[in-house]
Structures are given as C-alpha cells and as structure tokens.
C-alpha atoms as a PDB file:
ATOM      1  CA  MET A   1      50.773 -17.936  68.341  1.00  0.00           C
ATOM      2  CA  ALA A   2      49.114 -17.934  65.357  1.00  0.00           C
ATOM      3  CA  GLU A   3      46.892 -15.094  64.706  1.00  0.00           C
ATOM      4  CA  LYS A   4      42.624 -14.531  64.605  1.00  0.00           C
ATOM      5  CA  PHE A   5      41.275 -15.393  60.817  1.00  0.00           C
ATOM      6  CA  SER A   6      39.207 -12.675  60.007  1.00  0.00           C
ATOM      7  CA  LEU A   7      37.614 -12.609  56.789  1.00  0.00           C
ATOM      8  CA  SER A   8      37.095  -9.021  56.977  1.00  0.00           C
ATOM      9  CA  LYS A   9      41.413  -8.789  56.710  1.00  0.00           C
ATOM     10  CA  PHE A  10      40.507 -11.877  54.225  1.00  0.00           C
ATOM     11  CA  PHE A  11      38.969  -9.324  52.014  1.00  0.00           C
ATOM     12  CA  GLY A  12      40.921  -6.260  53.308  1.00  0.00           C
ATOM     13  CA  MET A  13      37.852  -4.509  54.978  1.00  0.00           C
ATOM     14  CA  ASN A  14      39.980  -4.416  58.035  1.00  0.00           C
ATOM     15  CA  ASP A  15      40.030  -1.001  60.456  1.00  0.00           C
ATOM     16  CA  ASP A  16      43.534  -0.643  60.800  1.00  0.00           C
ATOM     17  CA  TYR A  17      45.386   1.700  58.661  1.00  0.00           C
ATOM     18  CA  ASP A  18      49.065   0.833  57.013  1.00  0.00           C
ATOM     19  CA  GLU A  19      50.808   3.777  58.351  1.00  0.00           C
ATOM     20  CA  ASP A  20      52.714   4.102  55.947  1.00  0.00           C
ATOM     21  CA  TYR A  21      49.099   4.757  53.266  1.00  0.00           C
ATOM     22  CA  GLN A  22      49.251   7.966  51.765  1.00  0.00           C
ATOM     23  CA  ASP A  23      46.136   9.578  49.790  1.00  0.00           C
ATOM     24  CA  ASP A  24      47.300  10.026  46.616  1.00  0.00           C
ATOM     25  CA  PRO A  25      45.470  13.095  45.030  1.00  0.00           C
ATOM     26  CA  VAL A  26      42.912  12.332  42.356  1.00  0.00           C
ATOM     27  CA  PRO A  27      45.134  12.929  39.045  1.00  0.00           C
ATOM     28  CA  VAL A  28      42.385  15.735  37.252  1.00  0.00           C
ATOM     29  CA  ALA A  29      41.983  13.787  34.010  1.00  0.00           C
ATOM     30  CA  LYS A  30      42.576  16.340  30.710  1.00  0.00           C
ATOM     31  CA  PRO A  31      39.551  16.671  28.647  1.00  0.00           C
ATOM     32  CA  ALA A  32      39.692  15.140  25.340  1.00  0.00           C
ATOM     33  CA  PRO A  33      41.181  16.749  22.122  1.00  0.00           C
ATOM     34  CA  ALA A  34      37.728  17.985  20.544  1.00  0.00           C
ATOM     35  CA  ALA A  35      36.645  15.322  17.791  1.00  0.00           C
ATOM     36  CA  PRO A  36      36.383  17.088  14.629  1.00  0.00           C
ATOM     37  CA  SER A  37      32.480  17.457  13.476  1.00  0.00           C
ATOM     38  CA  ARG A  38      31.110  16.711  11.243  1.00  0.00           C
ATOM     39  CA  PRO A  39      28.946  19.790   8.537  1.00  0.00           C
ATOM     40  CA  VAL A  40      25.321  19.368   9.813  1.00  0.00           C
ATOM     41  CA  ASP A  41      22.838  18.589   6.908  1.00  0.00           C
ATOM     42  CA  SER A  42      19.586  20.571   7.929  1.00  0.00           C
ATOM     43  CA  ARG A  43      17.673  18.597   5.462  1.00  0.00           C
ATOM     44  CA  LYS A  44      15.100  16.293   6.531  1.00  0.00           C
ATOM     45  CA  VAL A  45      15.487  12.289   6.568  1.00  0.00           C
ATOM     46  CA  VAL A  46      14.084  10.765   3.555  1.00  0.00           C
ATOM     47  CA  ALA A  47      12.945   7.393   3.727  1.00  0.00           C
ATOM     48  CA  MET A  48      14.417   4.433   1.525  1.00  0.00           C
ATOM     49  CA  HIS A  49      11.197   3.344  -0.503  1.00  0.00           C
ATOM     50  CA  SER A  50      10.233   6.822  -2.122  1.00  0.00           C
ATOM     51  CA  ALA A  51      13.196   6.460  -3.953  1.00  0.00           C
ATOM     52  CA  LYS A  52      11.556   9.616  -5.929  1.00  0.00           C
ATOM     53  CA  PRO A  53       9.208  11.623  -3.903  1.00  0.00           C
ATOM     54  CA  ASN A  54       7.875  13.571  -6.391  1.00  0.00           C
ATOM     55  CA  THR A  55       6.936  11.146  -9.054  1.00  0.00           C
ATOM     56  CA  SER A  56       3.415  11.709 -10.053  1.00  0.00           C
ATOM     57  CA  HIS A  57       1.738   8.781 -11.933  1.00  0.00           C
ATOM     58  CA  ILE A  58      -1.054   8.045 -14.418  1.00  0.00           C
ATOM     59  CA  ALA A  59      -2.462   4.564 -15.263  1.00  0.00           C
ATOM     60  CA  ILE A  60      -4.813   3.949 -18.111  1.00  0.00           C
ATOM     61  CA  CYS A  61      -7.688   1.285 -17.192  1.00  0.00           C
ATOM     62  CA  GLU A  62      -9.293  -0.809 -19.417  1.00  0.00           C
ATOM     63  CA  PRO A  63     -12.192  -2.780 -17.086  1.00  0.00           C
ATOM     64  CA  ARG A  64     -14.213  -4.991 -18.299  1.00  0.00           C
ATOM     65  CA  ILE A  65     -16.235  -6.148 -15.138  1.00  0.00           C
ATOM     66  CA  TYR A  66     -17.243  -4.839 -11.766  1.00  0.00           C
ATOM     67  CA  SER A  67     -14.836  -6.179  -9.899  1.00  0.00           C
ATOM     68  CA  ASP A  68     -12.138  -4.311 -11.796  1.00  0.00           C
ATOM     69  CA  ALA A  69     -12.757  -1.038 -10.149  1.00  0.00           C
ATOM     70  CA  LYS A  70     -11.387  -2.626  -6.740  1.00  0.00           C
ATOM     71  CA  SER A  71      -7.824  -2.491  -8.579  1.00  0.00           C
ATOM     72  CA  ILE A  72      -8.627   0.747 -10.184  1.00  0.00           C
ATOM     73  CA  ALA A  73      -9.471   2.087  -6.351  1.00  0.00           C
ATOM     74  CA  LYS A  74      -6.169   0.339  -5.013  1.00  0.00           C
ATOM     75  CA  GLN A  75      -4.588   2.959  -7.488  1.00  0.00           C
ATOM     76  CA  ILE A  76      -6.576   6.239  -6.904  1.00  0.00           C
ATOM     77  CA  THR A  77      -5.805   5.367  -2.809  1.00  0.00           C
ATOM     78  CA  ALA A  78      -1.862   5.077  -3.664  1.00  0.00           C
ATOM     79  CA  GLY A  79      -1.785   8.564  -5.402  1.00  0.00           C
ATOM     80  CA  ASP A  80      -1.673   7.851  -8.115  1.00  0.00           C
ATOM     81  CA  ALA A  81      -4.626   9.283 -10.929  1.00  0.00           C
ATOM     82  CA  VAL A  82      -5.714   6.825 -13.235  1.00  0.00           C
ATOM     83  CA  ILE A  83      -7.610   7.231 -16.837  1.00  0.00           C
ATOM     84  CA  VAL A  84     -10.421   4.823 -16.985  1.00  0.00           C
ATOM     85  CA  ASN A  85     -12.372   4.008 -20.396  1.00  0.00           C
ATOM     86  CA  PHE A  86     -15.857   2.242 -20.516  1.00  0.00           C
ATOM     87  CA  ALA A  87     -16.243   1.076 -24.419  1.00  0.00           C
ATOM     88  CA  ARG A  88     -15.904  -2.736 -23.088  1.00  0.00           C
ATOM     89  CA  VAL A  89     -18.611  -2.544 -20.362  1.00  0.00           C
ATOM     90  CA  ASP A  90     -22.122  -2.421 -20.724  1.00  0.00           C
ATOM     91  CA  GLU A  91     -24.067   1.206 -19.118  1.00  0.00           C
ATOM     92  CA  THR A  92     -25.203  -0.693 -16.613  1.00  0.00           C
ATOM     93  CA  GLN A  93     -22.001  -2.068 -14.568  1.00  0.00           C
ATOM     94  CA  ALA A  94     -20.153   1.448 -15.957  1.00  0.00           C
ATOM     95  CA  GLN A  95     -22.331   3.095 -13.639  1.00  0.00           C
ATOM     96  CA  ARG A  96     -21.952   1.391 -10.971  1.00  0.00           C
ATOM     97  CA  ILE A  97     -18.425   1.268 -11.397  1.00  0.00           C
ATOM     98  CA  VAL A  98     -18.165   5.023 -11.593  1.00  0.00           C
ATOM     99  CA  ASP A  99     -20.052   5.158  -8.618  1.00  0.00           C
ATOM    100  CA  PHE A 100     -17.976   3.161  -6.644  1.00  0.00           C
ATOM    101  CA  LEU A 101     -14.599   5.302  -7.965  1.00  0.00           C
ATOM    102  CA  ASN A 102     -16.385   8.939  -6.824  1.00  0.00           C
ATOM    103  CA  GLY A 103     -16.401   7.396  -3.519  1.00  0.00           C
ATOM    104  CA  THR A 104     -12.950   6.259  -3.592  1.00  0.00           C
ATOM    105  CA  ALA A 105     -12.184   9.390  -5.192  1.00  0.00           C
ATOM    106  CA  TYR A 106     -13.875  11.292  -2.039  1.00  0.00           C
ATOM    107  CA  ALA A 107     -12.522   9.343   0.524  1.00  0.00           C
ATOM    108  CA  VAL A 108      -9.052  10.504  -0.505  1.00  0.00           C
ATOM    109  CA  GLY A 109      -9.833  14.014  -1.110  1.00  0.00           C
ATOM    110  CA  GLY A 110      -9.677  13.128  -4.537  1.00  0.00           C
ATOM    111  CA  GLU A 111     -12.209  14.131  -7.437  1.00  0.00           C
ATOM    112  CA  ILE A 112     -13.561  12.130 -10.728  1.00  0.00           C
ATOM    113  CA  GLN A 113     -14.224  14.120 -13.811  1.00  0.00           C
ATOM    114  CA  ARG A 114     -15.779  13.144 -17.192  1.00  0.00           C
ATOM    115  CA  ILE A 115     -12.987  13.618 -20.267  1.00  0.00           C
ATOM    116  CA  GLY A 116     -14.629  11.239 -23.125  1.00  0.00           C
ATOM    117  CA  GLU A 117     -18.027  10.129 -23.890  1.00  0.00           C
ATOM    118  CA  GLN A 118     -16.994   7.048 -22.254  1.00  0.00           C
ATOM    119  CA  ILE A 119     -13.894   8.173 -20.292  1.00  0.00           C
ATOM    120  CA  PHE A 120     -13.519   9.246 -17.461  1.00  0.00           C
ATOM    121  CA  LEU A 121     -10.055  10.894 -15.121  1.00  0.00           C
ATOM    122  CA  CYS A 122     -10.057   9.607 -11.950  1.00  0.00           C
ATOM    123  CA  ALA A 123      -7.309  12.261  -9.348  1.00  0.00           C
ATOM    124  CA  PRO A 124      -6.476  11.893  -6.199  1.00  0.00           C
ATOM    125  CA  HIS A 125      -5.818  14.540  -3.478  1.00  0.00           C
ATOM    126  CA  ASN A 126      -2.112  15.856  -4.938  1.00  0.00           C
ATOM    127  CA  PHE A 127      -3.713  16.148  -8.227  1.00  0.00           C
ATOM    128  CA  GLU A 128      -4.999  19.256  -9.462  1.00  0.00           C
ATOM    129  CA  VAL A 129      -7.644  18.888 -12.547  1.00  0.00           C
ATOM    130  CA  SER A 130      -7.880  21.948 -14.802  1.00  0.00           C
ATOM    131  CA  GLY A 131      -9.921  22.818 -17.999  1.00  0.00           C
ATOM    132  CA  ASP A 132     -13.890  21.298 -18.831  1.00  0.00           C
ATOM    133  CA  VAL A 133     -13.688  19.352 -21.717  1.00  0.00           C
ATOM    134  CA  ALA A 134     -17.574  17.078 -20.256  1.00  0.00           C
ATOM    135  CA  ALA A 135     -19.322  20.696 -21.294  1.00  0.00           C
ATOM    136  CA  ASN A 136     -17.230  20.812 -24.876  1.00  0.00           C
ATOM    137  CA  LEU A 137     -18.255  17.193 -26.004  1.00  0.00           C
ATOM    138  CA  GLY A 138     -21.965  18.330 -27.574  1.00  0.00           C
ATOM    139  CA  THR A 139     -20.477  20.874 -29.268  1.00  0.00           C
ATOM    140  CA  GLN A 140     -17.210  19.005 -30.483  1.00  0.00           C
ATOM    141  CA  PHE A 141     -19.450  15.792 -31.584  1.00  0.00           C
ATOM    142  CA  LYS A 142     -22.145  17.726 -33.499  1.00  0.00           C
ATOM    143  CA  GLN A 143     -19.289  19.349 -36.102  1.00  0.00           C
END
C-alpha cells in the first residue's frame, strides 16, 4: 500500500532520522592571512574646495554708489581684506559706506582702519593690521 503523504516529510522535516546520519564536526575556520596594512596618515582631511588653505586675499575697491557696499561686505565676510578708496564718492555717501563696512567688520571680528585721506582698510579676523598711518597723515601733508 502507498505511504501516506506528509508535508513535513516532503520538506525533510520529519522526526525520523536516518541511522547512517552522523554529526560531522564543524571544521574550524583558519584565520585569514593578515592583509598588508597601509601606512596610517595622521594628517587631517582637507576639503577639496580649499586647494590653497593658507592663501590670503586683499581686494581693492572704489565704490561709486552706496549699493557697492554690499559687494565689499561679501568679500569681508568671505575672509578677504579690502582696501576701499572713496575718491569717486561724495562725502555723505562715503560716511554711510564706512558705517556699513564698520558694522560688517565688527560682525566678523575684524577691524576697519583709515590708511589715507580717502582710503580705508577693512580686515576680517584672520588679518593682523599693525601700525598707525592715520596719526601720521596730518604731518605728512604739511611738509
């Protein structure tokens, strides 16, 4: 007579074990040979966009209208020093631009200094400005 169909037998999940079945010991895996190690680089990772991280930049600007102060302020906030010549701007516009740039320099931890009669240097925090040209302006032009 035919044997009864069982899903557990069909998938090999029956409780009847073959007598010739033996537990084979699990082979111990041998450790893989150590891969040759790369030399460790202790330097810090540098971003790709900063090809020359130690390069400083000084821009020279000659504004003609008050709205030119915005482009000068962008350069200061980007970390560049800017020399501004107010020769082509009337006195009231120049004063407004100086006030605006003074606020910008203060916001980035920098400074603004007068280096000529109508010339100012706006330097961000990463520039060190030494000397006092403004004190010598009066004596320089009287000689």
